[in-house]
Amino acid sequence: SIAPKLAEVIKRISEEQSISAIFTDDE
């Protein structure tokens, strides 16, 4: 099953997006 791996990828992406949002706080 690829579901656990997919969940890991999604988690990592959302963490990276949170970090990006912190660094690009131009609004």
N, C-alpha and C. Protein backbone atom coordinates (compact mmCIF):
# COMPACT_ATOMS: atom_id res chain seq x y z
N SER A 1 0.85 -1.21 0.00
CA SER A 1 0.00 0.00 0.00
C SER A 1 0.87 1.25 0.00
N ILE A 2 0.51 2.19 -0.84
CA ILE A 2 1.29 3.43 -0.92
C ILE A 2 0.75 4.53 -0.01
N ALA A 3 -0.36 4.25 0.65
CA ALA A 3 -1.00 5.30 1.45
C ALA A 3 -0.08 5.89 2.53
N PRO A 4 0.64 5.09 3.30
CA PRO A 4 1.53 5.68 4.32
C PRO A 4 2.58 6.60 3.71
N LYS A 5 3.14 6.18 2.57
CA LYS A 5 4.16 6.99 1.91
C LYS A 5 3.55 8.29 1.41
N LEU A 6 2.35 8.20 0.87
CA LEU A 6 1.66 9.38 0.38
C LEU A 6 1.37 10.35 1.51
N ALA A 7 0.93 9.83 2.64
CA ALA A 7 0.67 10.67 3.80
C ALA A 7 1.94 11.37 4.25
N GLU A 8 3.07 10.66 4.22
CA GLU A 8 4.35 11.26 4.60
C GLU A 8 4.72 12.41 3.68
N VAL A 9 4.53 12.19 2.38
CA VAL A 9 4.83 13.24 1.40
C VAL A 9 3.95 14.46 1.64
N ILE A 10 2.66 14.24 1.84
CA ILE A 10 1.73 15.35 2.08
C ILE A 10 2.13 16.12 3.33
N LYS A 11 2.49 15.39 4.38
CA LYS A 11 2.91 16.04 5.62
C LYS A 11 4.14 16.91 5.39
N ARG A 12 5.10 16.37 4.66
CA ARG A 12 6.33 17.12 4.39
C ARG A 12 6.04 18.37 3.57
N ILE A 13 5.17 18.24 2.55
CA ILE A 13 4.81 19.38 1.72
C ILE A 13 4.13 20.46 2.56
N SER A 14 3.20 20.06 3.41
CA SER A 14 2.49 21.07 4.21
C SER A 14 3.42 21.74 5.21
N GLU A 15 4.40 20.98 5.75
CA GLU A 15 5.40 21.60 6.61
C GLU A 15 6.23 22.62 5.84
N GLU A 16 6.65 22.26 4.62
CA GLU A 16 7.44 23.18 3.81
C GLU A 16 6.63 24.42 3.45
N GLN A 17 5.34 24.24 3.17
CA GLN A 17 4.51 25.40 2.84
C GLN A 17 4.34 26.31 4.05
N SER A 18 4.25 25.73 5.25
CA SER A 18 4.17 26.54 6.46
C SER A 18 5.44 27.35 6.64
N ILE A 19 6.59 26.72 6.40
CA ILE A 19 7.86 27.42 6.51
C ILE A 19 7.93 28.54 5.47
N SER A 20 7.53 28.24 4.24
CA SER A 20 7.53 29.25 3.19
C SER A 20 6.63 30.42 3.56
N ALA A 21 5.48 30.12 4.14
CA ALA A 21 4.55 31.17 4.52
C ALA A 21 5.16 32.09 5.57
N ILE A 22 5.94 31.51 6.47
CA ILE A 22 6.60 32.32 7.49
C ILE A 22 7.63 33.25 6.84
N PHE A 23 8.41 32.72 5.89
CA PHE A 23 9.48 33.52 5.31
C PHE A 23 8.97 34.52 4.28
N THR A 24 7.82 34.25 3.67
CA THR A 24 7.29 35.17 2.66
C THR A 24 6.05 35.86 3.21
N ASP A 25 6.24 36.60 4.28
CA ASP A 25 5.12 37.22 4.98
C ASP A 25 4.98 38.67 4.54
N ASP A 26 4.72 38.87 3.24
CA ASP A 26 4.75 40.21 2.68
C ASP A 26 3.39 40.88 2.63
N GLU A 27 2.34 40.20 3.04
CA GLU A 27 1.00 40.76 2.90
C GLU A 27 0.75 41.86 3.91
